[in-house]
Amino acid sequence: MNNIFEIDKEYVADTYARFPLELTSGKGSLLYDNEGKEYIDLGTGIAVNTFGVADEEWAGVVSAQAAKLSHVSNLYYSEPCAILAEKLCKRTGMKKVFFSNSGAEANECAIKTARKYAQDKKGMEYYNIITLKNSFHGRTVTTLAATGQDVFHTMFNPLTDGFLYADANDIESVKMLVSNNKCAAIMFEVVQGEGGVMPLDARFVKQLAQIAEKEDILLIADEVQIGNGRSGKLYGYMNYGITPDIVTTAKGLAGGLPLGATLFGEKTADVLTNGTHGSTFGGNPICCAGAINVLDRIDDGLLDGVDKRSKIIFDSLTGAEGIKAISGMGLMLGIETEKDAGEVVSECMKNGVLVLKAKNKVRLLPALNIPVDLLTKALEVLKNACKS
């Protein structure tokens, strides 16, 4: 039998620095490789597998929908799409939803909507969008431009014009850009995930909302990674007492299937009109059925469990040998270690625990319902990996 590593190397585009590990099956927060070795999963496919792998209730709903109606396109109505949109709006207070396939696409939709809103109200010159340094908003040409990290701006020029970068947690930096430029929106992540799992200060986020309201600039919350219960609230912005004009999300929304969503508030609900945007697969019935199941299960009990598990992690790791600091929110956490983070990741994998990296930190993104005994066991492996 051909080695899967060799087949991948020959036929798959070489865009990923994969770990030397072939995963073949799993159940909940346990994964298994091609040799039957067991791993505790603290990465969930980068915050995608909300309830872990092969969750029975989710799989049953998805399988039933696949056997009933797999795809129709947006030329026709389908029940899962409509019901999911209704549930998202009722849970958030937003008014309408556009469905796509990924976080980058959800952010592209938000950017288009913001520019059309500003153009309709103020004129074509109001197209600039302020994002924050150290942010990450996707890998398309436009969302790379929106990303506030120079390292992403070097290889694919010219990127889309019209993005300005403010310093995170520095409201004067934002005010200066607003004063000196004709702006359509401010776009932010309440926790900068790919930027090192760094939460924004509560006061700064509230000041962003105040500036946006005063200047009639749209406020866009990028909830691609922190959203769908991971913060301890349904969406991360809810921890800050603000109401964005647009919310984007993806990753954990459909629990393992590709689905992005752009949620529109009062100001933006009717900006996109017939023919101004579209997606062949957006709102796919199977993906939406999976997302309905996920959303229905993100209730107060589950969110309390997220907070409980987050506290377990903080209590276990704070002050442990080799661990310098912990950042993040809920079950989206970054661990600054004395050792190189890559070395810690490798040591954990060797000992049956899968963790991730974000810049110089070890990143934890476990399933929202990971059994506490598995979490505790994994944390012991992590702590040992961090020791000198």
Protein backbone atom coordinates (compact mmCIF):
# COMPACT_ATOMS: atom_id res chain seq x y z
CA MET A 1 0.00 0.00 0.00
CA ASN A 2 1.31 3.43 -0.87
CA ASN A 3 2.37 5.61 2.02
CA ILE A 4 -0.24 8.34 2.54
CA PHE A 5 2.53 10.87 3.29
CA GLU A 6 4.11 10.19 -0.11
CA ILE A 7 0.79 10.41 -1.96
CA ASP A 8 -0.01 13.70 -0.24
CA LYS A 9 3.44 15.09 -1.00
CA GLU A 10 3.11 14.25 -4.67
CA TYR A 11 -0.47 15.30 -5.32
CA VAL A 12 -1.53 17.90 -2.73
CA ALA A 13 -0.34 21.50 -3.09
CA ASP A 14 2.55 22.09 -0.70
CA THR A 15 0.89 24.87 1.33
CA TYR A 16 0.84 23.17 4.74
CA ALA A 17 3.66 22.23 7.10
CA ARG A 18 1.83 19.11 8.23
CA PHE A 19 2.75 17.17 11.35
CA PRO A 20 3.97 13.63 10.56
CA LEU A 21 0.68 12.18 11.72
CA GLU A 22 -2.17 10.49 9.83
CA LEU A 23 -5.45 10.61 11.75
CA THR A 24 -7.95 7.97 10.76
CA SER A 25 -10.83 8.06 13.26
CA GLY A 26 -12.07 9.53 16.50
CA LYS A 27 -14.85 9.85 19.01
CA GLY A 28 -15.52 13.01 20.97
CA SER A 29 -12.20 14.40 22.21
CA LEU A 30 -10.21 11.27 21.35
CA LEU A 31 -8.49 10.79 17.99
CA TYR A 32 -6.65 7.77 16.59
CA ASP A 33 -3.83 7.52 14.08
CA ASN A 34 -3.22 4.87 11.43
CA GLU A 35 -1.35 2.72 13.95
CA GLY A 36 -4.15 2.88 16.53
CA LYS A 37 -2.42 5.30 18.89
CA GLU A 38 -4.83 7.44 20.93
CA TYR A 39 -4.62 11.23 21.27
CA ILE A 40 -6.56 13.70 23.40
CA ASP A 41 -7.62 16.47 21.05
CA LEU A 42 -7.16 20.04 22.31
CA GLY A 43 -7.29 21.59 18.82
CA THR A 44 -10.67 20.47 17.34
CA GLY A 45 -9.58 21.07 13.76
CA ILE A 46 -8.70 24.68 14.69
CA ALA A 47 -11.91 25.43 16.63
CA VAL A 48 -14.20 23.61 14.20
CA ASN A 49 -15.35 20.36 15.85
CA THR A 50 -17.54 22.06 18.46
CA PHE A 51 -18.57 18.82 20.17
CA GLY A 52 -15.56 16.79 19.10
CA VAL A 53 -15.36 14.11 16.44
CA ALA A 54 -18.25 11.86 15.33
CA ASP A 55 -20.72 13.34 17.80
CA GLU A 56 -23.69 10.98 17.51
CA GLU A 57 -26.50 13.52 17.67
CA TRP A 58 -24.83 15.83 15.14
CA ALA A 59 -23.89 12.95 12.83
CA GLY A 60 -27.46 11.64 12.92
CA VAL A 61 -28.92 15.00 11.89
CA VAL A 62 -26.33 15.49 9.15
CA SER A 63 -26.81 11.96 7.80
CA ALA A 64 -30.58 12.33 7.74
CA GLN A 65 -30.33 15.58 5.79
CA ALA A 66 -27.78 14.08 3.38
CA ALA A 67 -30.24 11.28 2.63
CA LYS A 68 -33.08 13.75 2.12
CA LEU A 69 -31.67 16.74 0.20
CA SER A 70 -27.97 17.48 -0.16
CA HIS A 71 -27.88 20.63 -2.30
CA VAL A 72 -30.30 22.89 -4.17
CA SER A 73 -28.41 26.19 -4.73
CA ASN A 74 -29.85 29.53 -3.72
CA LEU A 75 -32.24 29.62 -6.67
CA TYR A 76 -34.71 27.79 -4.42
CA TYR A 77 -35.82 27.83 -0.80
CA SER A 78 -34.74 25.15 1.65
CA GLU A 79 -35.90 24.71 5.23
CA PRO A 80 -32.52 24.26 7.00
CA CYS A 81 -31.19 27.55 5.58
CA ALA A 82 -34.24 29.55 6.64
CA ILE A 83 -34.51 27.96 10.09
CA LEU A 84 -30.81 28.49 10.84
CA ALA A 85 -31.02 32.15 9.83
CA GLU A 86 -34.05 32.61 12.10
CA LYS A 87 -32.28 30.98 15.04
CA LEU A 88 -29.13 33.09 14.58
CA CYS A 89 -31.15 36.29 14.45
CA LYS A 90 -33.27 35.43 17.47
CA ARG A 91 -30.21 34.44 19.52
CA THR A 92 -28.28 37.62 18.67
CA GLY A 93 -30.83 40.33 17.92
CA MET A 94 -29.42 40.68 14.42
CA LYS A 95 -31.88 41.00 11.53
CA LYS A 96 -30.68 39.03 8.50
CA VAL A 97 -27.98 36.51 7.55
CA PHE A 98 -25.93 35.77 4.44
CA PHE A 99 -24.47 32.25 4.31
CA SER A 100 -21.16 31.33 2.68
CA ASN A 101 -18.55 28.60 3.11
CA SER A 102 -15.80 29.97 5.33
CA GLY A 103 -14.65 32.73 7.64
CA ALA A 104 -12.76 34.51 4.89
CA GLU A 105 -15.90 34.57 2.74
CA ALA A 106 -17.98 35.81 5.67
CA ASN A 107 -15.49 38.64 6.13
CA GLU A 108 -15.46 39.41 2.39
CA CYS A 109 -19.24 39.78 2.58
CA ALA A 110 -18.93 42.10 5.57
CA ILE A 111 -16.39 44.26 3.75
CA LYS A 112 -18.56 44.51 0.63
CA THR A 113 -21.58 45.39 2.77
CA ALA A 114 -19.71 48.07 4.70
CA ARG A 115 -18.45 49.71 1.52
CA LYS A 116 -21.88 49.66 -0.10
CA TYR A 117 -23.48 51.08 3.06
CA ALA A 118 -21.00 53.95 3.18
CA GLN A 119 -21.20 54.60 -0.56
CA ASP A 120 -25.00 54.70 -0.46
CA LYS A 121 -25.07 57.09 2.52
CA LYS A 122 -21.96 59.23 2.13
CA GLY A 123 -20.35 58.72 -1.27
CA MET A 124 -17.89 56.50 -3.11
CA GLU A 125 -14.87 57.98 -1.34
CA TYR A 126 -15.96 56.49 2.01
CA TYR A 127 -14.42 53.08 1.50
CA ASN A 128 -11.61 52.79 4.06
CA ILE A 129 -11.90 50.08 6.70
CA ILE A 130 -9.92 50.26 9.94
CA THR A 131 -8.61 46.98 11.32
CA LEU A 132 -6.20 46.34 14.17
CA LYS A 133 -2.53 45.50 14.06
CA ASN A 134 -1.92 41.84 14.89
CA SER A 135 -5.34 40.87 13.52
CA PHE A 136 -6.13 38.06 11.11
CA HIS A 137 -9.18 38.08 8.83
CA GLY A 138 -8.51 35.47 6.12
CA ARG A 139 -6.38 34.43 3.17
CA THR A 140 -8.14 35.89 0.14
CA VAL A 141 -6.52 38.90 -1.51
CA THR A 142 -8.96 41.23 0.26
CA THR A 143 -8.95 39.59 3.69
CA LEU A 144 -5.15 39.41 3.60
CA ALA A 145 -5.23 43.17 3.08
CA ALA A 146 -7.60 43.47 6.04
CA THR A 147 -5.22 41.44 8.20
CA GLY A 148 -3.07 43.77 10.32
CA GLN A 149 0.20 41.81 10.08
CA ASP A 150 2.97 42.85 7.69
CA VAL A 151 4.08 39.26 7.18
CA PHE A 152 0.88 38.59 5.23
CA HIS A 153 1.35 41.59 2.94
CA THR A 154 4.52 40.57 1.11
CA MET A 155 3.90 37.91 -1.54
CA PHE A 156 0.62 38.65 -3.32
CA ASN A 157 0.73 42.33 -4.14
CA PRO A 158 -1.09 44.39 -5.09
CA LEU A 159 -3.55 43.60 -2.34
CA THR A 160 -6.96 45.24 -2.15
CA ASP A 161 -6.64 48.91 -1.27
CA GLY A 162 -8.48 50.78 1.47
CA PHE A 163 -7.40 49.18 4.74
CA LEU A 164 -5.93 51.15 7.64
CA TYR A 165 -4.33 49.63 10.73
CA ALA A 166 -4.75 50.95 14.25
CA ASP A 167 -2.90 49.79 17.36
CA ALA A 168 -4.94 47.33 19.42
CA ASN A 169 -6.08 48.79 22.76
CA ASP A 170 -4.99 52.31 21.71
CA ILE A 171 -8.13 54.34 21.10
CA GLU A 172 -6.15 57.44 20.10
CA SER A 173 -4.70 55.48 17.19
CA VAL A 174 -8.24 54.69 16.03
CA LYS A 175 -9.41 58.28 16.47
CA MET A 176 -6.52 59.57 14.37
CA LEU A 177 -7.37 57.25 11.48
CA VAL A 178 -11.06 58.16 11.67
CA SER A 179 -10.23 61.89 11.67
CA ASN A 180 -7.80 61.72 8.75
CA ASN A 181 -9.60 59.29 6.45
CA LYS A 182 -13.03 58.70 4.99
CA CYS A 183 -14.00 55.44 6.63
CA ALA A 184 -16.74 52.88 6.12
CA ALA A 185 -16.13 50.56 9.08
CA ILE A 186 -14.01 49.35 11.97
CA MET A 187 -13.36 45.60 11.97
CA PHE A 188 -11.99 43.69 14.97
CA GLU A 189 -11.66 40.35 16.76
CA VAL A 190 -12.37 40.53 20.50
CA VAL A 191 -9.63 37.92 20.87
CA GLN A 192 -6.89 38.09 18.26
CA GLY A 193 -6.47 34.36 17.60
CA GLU A 194 -3.77 33.97 14.96
CA GLY A 195 -2.11 37.04 16.44
CA GLY A 196 -1.27 35.19 19.66
CA VAL A 197 -4.64 34.70 21.41
CA MET A 198 -4.74 38.25 22.75
CA PRO A 199 -8.06 39.62 24.11
CA LEU A 200 -8.92 43.26 23.58
CA ASP A 201 -9.43 45.47 26.64
CA ALA A 202 -13.10 45.92 27.53
CA ARG A 203 -12.80 49.72 27.69
CA PHE A 204 -11.19 49.83 24.24
CA VAL A 205 -13.97 47.74 22.68
CA LYS A 206 -16.65 49.98 24.19
CA GLN A 207 -14.82 53.05 22.89
CA LEU A 208 -14.75 51.51 19.40
CA ALA A 209 -18.51 51.14 19.58
CA GLN A 210 -18.90 54.76 20.73
CA ILE A 211 -16.75 56.08 17.87
CA ALA A 212 -18.62 53.97 15.33
CA GLU A 213 -21.97 55.25 16.57
CA LYS A 214 -20.87 58.88 16.65
CA GLU A 215 -19.31 58.85 13.17
CA ASP A 216 -21.88 56.52 11.54
CA ILE A 217 -19.10 54.03 10.85
CA LEU A 218 -20.09 50.38 10.87
CA LEU A 219 -18.74 48.11 13.60
CA ILE A 220 -17.80 44.63 12.34
CA ALA A 221 -17.09 41.85 14.86
CA ASP A 222 -15.04 39.01 13.39
CA GLU A 223 -16.24 35.98 15.39
CA VAL A 224 -14.81 33.33 13.09
CA GLN A 225 -12.74 31.65 15.81
CA ILE A 226 -14.05 32.97 19.15
CA GLY A 227 -17.72 32.63 18.21
CA ASN A 228 -20.25 29.83 18.66
CA GLY A 229 -19.82 29.37 22.39
CA ARG A 230 -16.04 29.27 22.62
CA SER A 231 -15.77 32.47 24.70
CA GLY A 232 -18.32 31.37 27.31
CA LYS A 233 -21.01 33.42 25.54
CA LEU A 234 -22.68 32.55 22.25
CA TYR A 235 -20.51 35.21 20.59
CA GLY A 236 -17.42 36.87 21.99
CA TYR A 237 -18.65 40.44 21.63
CA MET A 238 -21.41 39.59 24.13
CA ASN A 239 -18.75 39.62 26.86
CA TYR A 240 -18.21 43.33 26.16
CA GLY A 241 -21.74 44.73 26.27
CA ILE A 242 -21.77 46.04 22.69
CA THR A 243 -23.92 45.42 19.61
CA PRO A 244 -22.03 45.30 16.29
CA ASP A 245 -23.60 46.28 12.98
CA ILE A 246 -22.19 43.16 11.32
CA VAL A 247 -21.03 39.88 12.85
CA THR A 248 -19.05 37.28 10.92
CA THR A 249 -18.59 33.68 11.95
CA ALA A 250 -17.67 30.21 10.62
CA LYS A 251 -15.40 27.44 12.02
CA GLY A 252 -17.45 25.87 14.85
CA LEU A 253 -20.83 27.02 13.52
CA ALA A 254 -21.58 23.76 11.67
CA GLY A 255 -19.51 21.53 13.95
CA GLY A 256 -17.22 20.13 11.25
CA LEU A 257 -18.84 21.17 7.98
CA PRO A 258 -17.90 24.25 5.91
CA LEU A 259 -20.29 27.09 6.69
CA GLY A 260 -19.75 30.82 7.08
CA ALA A 261 -22.33 33.38 8.14
CA THR A 262 -22.49 37.16 7.99
CA LEU A 263 -25.11 38.58 10.34
CA PHE A 264 -26.57 42.02 9.70
CA GLY A 265 -28.01 44.44 12.27
CA GLU A 266 -30.56 47.24 11.85
CA LYS A 267 -28.30 49.49 9.77
CA THR A 268 -27.09 46.77 7.43
CA ALA A 269 -30.04 44.38 7.06
CA ASP A 270 -31.12 45.72 3.67
CA VAL A 271 -27.80 46.89 2.19
CA LEU A 272 -27.30 43.84 -0.01
CA THR A 273 -30.02 43.54 -2.62
CA ASN A 274 -30.84 41.07 -5.38
CA GLY A 275 -27.71 40.29 -7.41
CA THR A 276 -25.22 42.23 -5.25
CA HIS A 277 -23.74 39.11 -3.65
CA GLY A 278 -24.05 35.35 -3.87
CA SER A 279 -22.66 31.90 -3.13
CA THR A 280 -23.28 28.57 -4.84
CA PHE A 281 -22.83 26.48 -1.71
CA GLY A 282 -23.79 29.07 0.90
CA GLY A 283 -26.71 27.86 3.01
CA ASN A 284 -26.20 24.26 1.91
CA PRO A 285 -28.91 22.10 3.55
CA ILE A 286 -26.48 19.57 5.07
CA CYS A 287 -24.24 22.26 6.55
CA CYS A 288 -27.22 24.20 7.87
CA ALA A 289 -28.76 21.08 9.42
CA GLY A 290 -25.47 20.47 11.25
CA ALA A 291 -25.36 24.10 12.37
CA ILE A 292 -28.93 24.01 13.70
CA ASN A 293 -27.96 21.06 15.88
CA VAL A 294 -24.85 22.88 17.12
CA LEU A 295 -26.67 26.13 17.82
CA ASP A 296 -29.54 24.44 19.65
CA ARG A 297 -27.05 22.75 21.99
CA ILE A 298 -25.12 25.92 22.85
CA ASP A 299 -27.34 26.69 25.83
CA ASP A 300 -26.69 28.13 29.28
CA GLY A 301 -25.62 24.75 30.62
CA LEU A 302 -23.03 24.27 27.92
CA LEU A 303 -21.72 27.83 28.30
CA ASP A 304 -21.40 27.34 32.06
CA GLY A 305 -19.38 24.24 31.24
CA VAL A 306 -17.08 26.28 29.00
CA ASP A 307 -16.41 28.66 31.89
CA LYS A 308 -15.82 25.74 34.23
CA ARG A 309 -13.32 24.11 31.87
CA SER A 310 -11.59 27.43 31.26
CA LYS A 311 -11.10 27.86 35.01
CA ILE A 312 -9.70 24.34 35.28
CA ILE A 313 -7.12 25.20 32.62
CA PHE A 314 -6.15 28.50 34.25
CA ASP A 315 -5.95 26.95 37.72
CA SER A 316 -3.88 24.01 36.49
CA LEU A 317 -1.39 25.94 34.38
CA THR A 318 -0.95 29.21 36.25
CA GLY A 319 2.41 29.18 37.98
CA ALA A 320 3.38 25.76 36.62
CA GLU A 321 7.02 25.14 35.79
CA GLY A 322 7.96 26.44 32.35
CA ILE A 323 4.74 28.41 31.84
CA LYS A 324 5.16 32.19 31.76
CA ALA A 325 1.63 33.42 31.06
CA ILE A 326 -1.85 32.44 29.85
CA SER A 327 -3.99 34.65 27.62
CA GLY A 328 -7.36 34.34 25.92
CA MET A 329 -10.95 33.73 26.89
CA GLY A 330 -13.13 30.70 27.54
CA LEU A 331 -11.74 27.74 25.61
CA MET A 332 -9.59 29.79 23.25
CA LEU A 333 -6.33 30.11 25.16
CA GLY A 334 -2.69 30.86 24.46
CA ILE A 335 0.11 29.55 26.69
CA GLU A 336 3.41 31.43 26.70
CA THR A 337 6.12 28.91 27.53
CA GLU A 338 9.79 29.16 28.42
CA LYS A 339 10.55 26.46 25.88
CA ASP A 340 9.96 27.03 22.19
CA ALA A 341 6.23 26.50 21.55
CA GLY A 342 6.95 24.16 18.66
CA GLU A 343 9.01 21.94 20.92
CA VAL A 344 6.13 21.79 23.41
CA VAL A 345 3.65 20.92 20.65
CA SER A 346 5.88 18.08 19.46
CA GLU A 347 6.42 16.73 22.98
CA CYS A 348 2.69 16.75 23.64
CA MET A 349 2.00 14.89 20.40
CA LYS A 350 4.62 12.29 21.30
CA ASN A 351 2.75 11.72 24.56
CA GLY A 352 -0.75 11.54 23.12
CA VAL A 353 -2.06 15.12 23.28
CA LEU A 354 -2.70 17.36 20.26
CA VAL A 355 -2.24 21.09 20.79
CA LEU A 356 -1.66 23.96 18.37
CA LYS A 357 0.49 27.07 17.99
CA ALA A 358 -0.31 30.76 17.61
CA LYS A 359 2.80 32.85 17.03
CA ASN A 360 5.11 32.04 19.97
CA LYS A 361 2.40 30.41 22.08
CA VAL A 362 0.86 27.01 22.54
CA ARG A 363 -2.81 27.34 21.62
CA LEU A 364 -5.68 25.38 23.18
CA LEU A 365 -9.04 25.01 21.41
CA PRO A 366 -10.68 21.94 22.94
CA ALA A 367 -14.22 20.75 22.29
CA LEU A 368 -16.72 22.78 24.29
CA ASN A 369 -17.91 19.61 26.01
CA ILE A 370 -14.55 17.86 26.49
CA PRO A 371 -14.87 15.47 29.45
CA VAL A 372 -13.18 16.96 32.49
CA ASP A 373 -11.16 13.82 33.16
CA LEU A 374 -9.68 13.91 29.65
CA LEU A 375 -8.96 17.62 29.96
CA THR A 376 -7.20 17.10 33.29
CA LYS A 377 -5.15 14.23 31.87
CA ALA A 378 -4.15 16.33 28.84
CA LEU A 379 -3.12 19.26 31.03
CA GLU A 380 -0.73 17.01 32.96
CA VAL A 381 0.91 16.01 29.68
CA LEU A 382 1.12 19.66 28.66
CA LYS A 383 2.67 20.69 31.98
CA ASN A 384 5.28 17.95 31.72
CA ALA A 385 6.11 19.04 28.18
CA CYS A 386 6.69 22.60 29.40
CA LYS A 387 9.17 21.62 32.11
CA SER A 388 12.87 22.24 31.53
